[in-house]
């Protein structure tokens, strides 16, 4: 698959199983992330890999966060099971710093670009993935567990593994709906 085809056909895959990327394949994913646009060369990202026993610890963390919010049994079960949707999850933290020329929002966007690059690198190597987020990315317990400082943001969790289903093709919108000229 060439680069343009990869970008034009990109789809998330939610059913993922072993194997997950490892070794050189995982290194390639991180190297791709580090090529994301990065005004000021701040490298405003941190990546935390969750796999094996870490998936159980992540499940317990999410459960604790939902309990702290007074979640019901349905929310608790969803939190407990979420980490087991894939054999590997990478937490992406926008590791932001005050800078006179690079605002915090731009550093968060840069970390988001890193996630996109990571998912594309995974797909290019035969893996699948889905970028998940939600209110728990902002929960104090979750932020603390991933070493977030006040100025940091968890931009999401990238679930990776081997696709168990073929991605559903979705028709792209008409360009005229989204593109204008100045």
Protein backbone atom coordinates (compact mmCIF):
# COMPACT_ATOMS: atom_id res chain seq x y z
CA UNK A 1 0.00 0.00 0.00
CA UNK A 2 1.48 3.35 -0.98
CA UNK A 3 1.33 6.40 1.29
CA UNK A 4 -1.51 8.18 -0.52
CA UNK A 5 -3.67 5.05 -0.61
CA UNK A 6 -3.01 4.57 3.11
CA UNK A 7 -4.19 8.10 3.89
CA UNK A 8 -7.20 7.99 1.58
CA UNK A 9 -8.39 4.59 2.83
CA UNK A 10 -7.71 5.06 6.57
CA UNK A 11 -10.35 3.55 8.85
CA UNK A 12 -10.31 2.65 12.51
CA UNK A 13 -10.71 -0.99 13.51
CA UNK A 14 -12.31 -1.69 16.88
CA UNK A 15 -11.92 -5.49 17.05
CA UNK A 16 -8.24 -6.19 17.63
CA UNK A 17 -6.38 -9.29 18.81
CA UNK A 18 -2.83 -10.63 19.18
CA UNK A 19 -0.32 -10.03 17.91
CA UNK A 20 0.25 -6.40 18.71
CA UNK A 21 3.17 -4.44 17.29
CA UNK A 22 6.49 -5.20 18.98
CA UNK A 23 10.19 -4.86 18.31
CA UNK A 24 11.01 -3.01 15.10
CA UNK A 25 7.33 -2.57 14.21
CA UNK A 26 6.65 -0.79 17.50
CA UNK A 27 9.82 1.27 17.14
CA UNK A 28 8.62 2.33 13.67
CA UNK A 29 5.34 3.49 15.21
CA UNK A 30 7.18 5.69 17.71
CA UNK A 31 9.59 7.01 15.07
CA UNK A 32 6.60 7.98 12.91
CA UNK A 33 5.06 9.82 15.88
CA UNK A 34 8.22 11.80 16.39
CA UNK A 35 7.97 13.10 12.81
CA UNK A 36 4.72 14.94 13.60
CA UNK A 37 4.70 18.70 13.01
CA UNK A 38 6.48 20.24 15.98
CA UNK A 39 6.78 24.04 16.02
CA UNK A 40 9.79 24.96 18.14
CA UNK A 41 11.05 21.36 18.23
CA UNK A 42 9.51 20.98 21.69
CA UNK A 43 8.64 17.29 21.26
CA UNK A 44 5.42 17.86 23.22
CA UNK A 45 4.42 14.25 23.64
CA UNK A 46 4.95 11.26 25.87
CA UNK A 47 3.90 7.70 25.09
CA UNK A 48 3.05 5.06 27.69
CA UNK A 49 2.60 1.47 26.46
CA UNK A 50 -0.01 -0.66 28.20
CA UNK A 51 0.05 -4.42 27.53
CA UNK A 52 0.06 -7.72 29.38
CA UNK A 53 -0.48 -7.16 33.11
CA UNK A 54 -0.69 -3.44 32.40
CA UNK A 55 -4.10 -4.00 30.79
CA UNK A 56 -5.40 -5.33 34.13
CA UNK A 57 -3.91 -2.37 36.01
CA UNK A 58 -5.46 0.01 33.46
CA UNK A 59 -8.83 -1.71 33.93
CA UNK A 60 -8.57 -1.20 37.70
CA UNK A 61 -7.58 2.45 37.19
CA UNK A 62 -10.57 3.15 34.94
CA UNK A 63 -12.86 1.36 37.39
CA UNK A 64 -11.53 3.52 40.25
CA UNK A 65 -12.10 6.67 38.23
CA UNK A 66 -15.69 5.69 37.42
CA UNK A 67 -16.32 4.81 41.08
CA UNK A 68 -14.92 8.17 42.16
CA UNK A 69 -17.45 9.80 39.83
CA UNK A 70 -20.29 7.76 41.31
CA UNK A 71 -20.79 5.73 38.14
CA UNK A 72 -23.45 3.06 37.90
CA UNK A 73 -22.84 -0.65 37.30
CA UNK A 74 -23.11 -0.26 33.52
CA UNK A 75 -20.41 2.44 33.50
CA UNK A 76 -18.24 0.34 35.79
CA UNK A 77 -18.49 -2.71 33.54
CA UNK A 78 -17.68 -0.64 30.46
CA UNK A 79 -14.60 0.79 32.21
CA UNK A 80 -13.49 -2.66 33.40
CA UNK A 81 -13.71 -4.16 29.92
CA UNK A 82 -12.37 -1.24 27.86
CA UNK A 83 -8.67 -2.17 28.13
CA UNK A 84 -9.30 -5.67 26.85
CA UNK A 85 -10.52 -4.52 23.42
CA UNK A 86 -6.94 -4.80 22.12
CA UNK A 87 -3.70 -6.46 23.18
CA UNK A 88 -1.87 -3.13 23.35
CA UNK A 89 -2.83 0.44 24.20
CA UNK A 90 -0.59 3.45 23.94
CA UNK A 91 -1.51 6.45 26.06
CA UNK A 92 -0.52 9.69 24.38
CA UNK A 93 0.12 12.65 26.65
CA UNK A 94 0.59 16.16 25.27
CA UNK A 95 3.56 17.12 27.44
CA UNK A 96 3.20 20.88 27.18
CA UNK A 97 5.52 23.68 28.22
CA UNK A 98 5.08 27.44 28.32
CA UNK A 99 6.77 28.92 25.28
CA UNK A 100 6.73 32.47 23.90
CA UNK A 101 6.04 31.35 20.30
CA UNK A 102 4.27 27.99 20.66
CA UNK A 103 0.94 28.13 22.51
CA UNK A 104 -0.29 25.18 24.55
CA UNK A 105 -3.10 24.46 22.08
CA UNK A 106 -0.55 24.02 19.29
CA UNK A 107 1.41 21.54 21.38
CA UNK A 108 -1.77 19.53 22.01
CA UNK A 109 -2.48 19.52 18.26
CA UNK A 110 1.08 18.32 17.65
CA UNK A 111 0.51 15.40 20.01
CA UNK A 112 -2.70 14.66 18.09
CA UNK A 113 -0.72 14.60 14.86
CA UNK A 114 1.64 12.12 16.53
CA UNK A 115 -1.32 9.82 17.24
CA UNK A 116 -2.40 9.97 13.61
CA UNK A 117 1.13 9.15 12.47
CA UNK A 118 1.27 6.22 14.90
CA UNK A 119 -1.97 4.75 13.63
CA UNK A 120 -0.86 5.14 10.01
CA UNK A 121 2.49 3.46 10.78
CA UNK A 122 0.65 0.59 12.46
CA UNK A 123 -1.68 0.10 9.46
CA UNK A 124 1.24 0.33 7.02
CA UNK A 125 2.81 -2.62 8.85
CA UNK A 126 -0.33 -4.77 8.78
CA UNK A 127 -1.79 -3.88 12.17
CA UNK A 128 -5.00 -2.06 13.00
CA UNK A 129 -5.94 0.51 15.54
CA UNK A 130 -8.49 2.87 16.95
CA UNK A 131 -7.96 6.15 18.77
CA UNK A 132 -10.20 6.43 21.81
CA UNK A 133 -10.70 9.25 24.26
CA UNK A 134 -13.57 10.42 26.46
CA UNK A 135 -14.11 12.02 29.84
CA UNK A 136 -11.76 9.65 31.68
CA UNK A 137 -8.80 11.25 29.86
CA UNK A 138 -9.45 14.28 32.07
CA UNK A 139 -10.08 12.42 35.33
CA UNK A 140 -7.64 13.30 38.12
CA UNK A 141 -6.85 9.64 38.94
CA UNK A 142 -6.11 8.79 35.31
CA UNK A 143 -4.02 11.93 34.77
CA UNK A 144 -2.03 11.20 37.92
CA UNK A 145 -1.42 7.57 36.92
CA UNK A 146 0.12 8.74 33.65
CA UNK A 147 2.29 11.40 35.28
CA UNK A 148 0.40 14.39 33.90
CA UNK A 149 1.31 17.82 35.14
CA UNK A 150 -1.30 20.62 35.26
CA UNK A 151 -0.34 21.81 31.77
CA UNK A 152 -0.47 18.33 30.20
CA UNK A 153 -3.38 16.73 28.36
CA UNK A 154 -4.10 13.08 27.63
CA UNK A 155 -5.03 13.29 23.95
CA UNK A 156 -6.15 9.69 23.82
CA UNK A 157 -5.53 6.00 23.98
CA UNK A 158 -4.39 4.28 20.78
CA UNK A 159 -5.61 0.68 20.80
CA UNK A 160 -3.42 -1.53 18.56
CA UNK A 161 -3.43 -5.13 17.42
CA UNK A 162 -4.28 -7.38 14.51
CA UNK A 163 -7.64 -6.57 12.89
CA UNK A 164 -10.33 -9.20 13.40
CA UNK A 165 -12.74 -7.56 10.97
CA UNK A 166 -12.33 -5.70 7.73
CA UNK A 167 -12.73 -1.95 8.23
CA UNK A 168 -16.07 -0.60 7.07
CA UNK A 169 -15.64 1.67 4.08
CA UNK A 170 -17.29 5.02 4.56
CA UNK A 171 -17.95 7.36 1.69
CA UNK A 172 -15.92 10.53 1.99
CA UNK A 173 -17.95 13.73 2.05
CA UNK A 174 -18.20 15.99 -0.96
CA UNK A 175 -15.21 18.31 -0.95
CA UNK A 176 -17.42 21.33 -1.54
CA UNK A 177 -18.93 20.82 1.93
CA UNK A 178 -15.55 21.23 3.59
CA UNK A 179 -13.27 23.15 1.23
CA UNK A 180 -13.41 26.84 0.45
CA UNK A 181 -11.03 29.27 -1.18
CA UNK A 182 -10.04 32.70 0.10
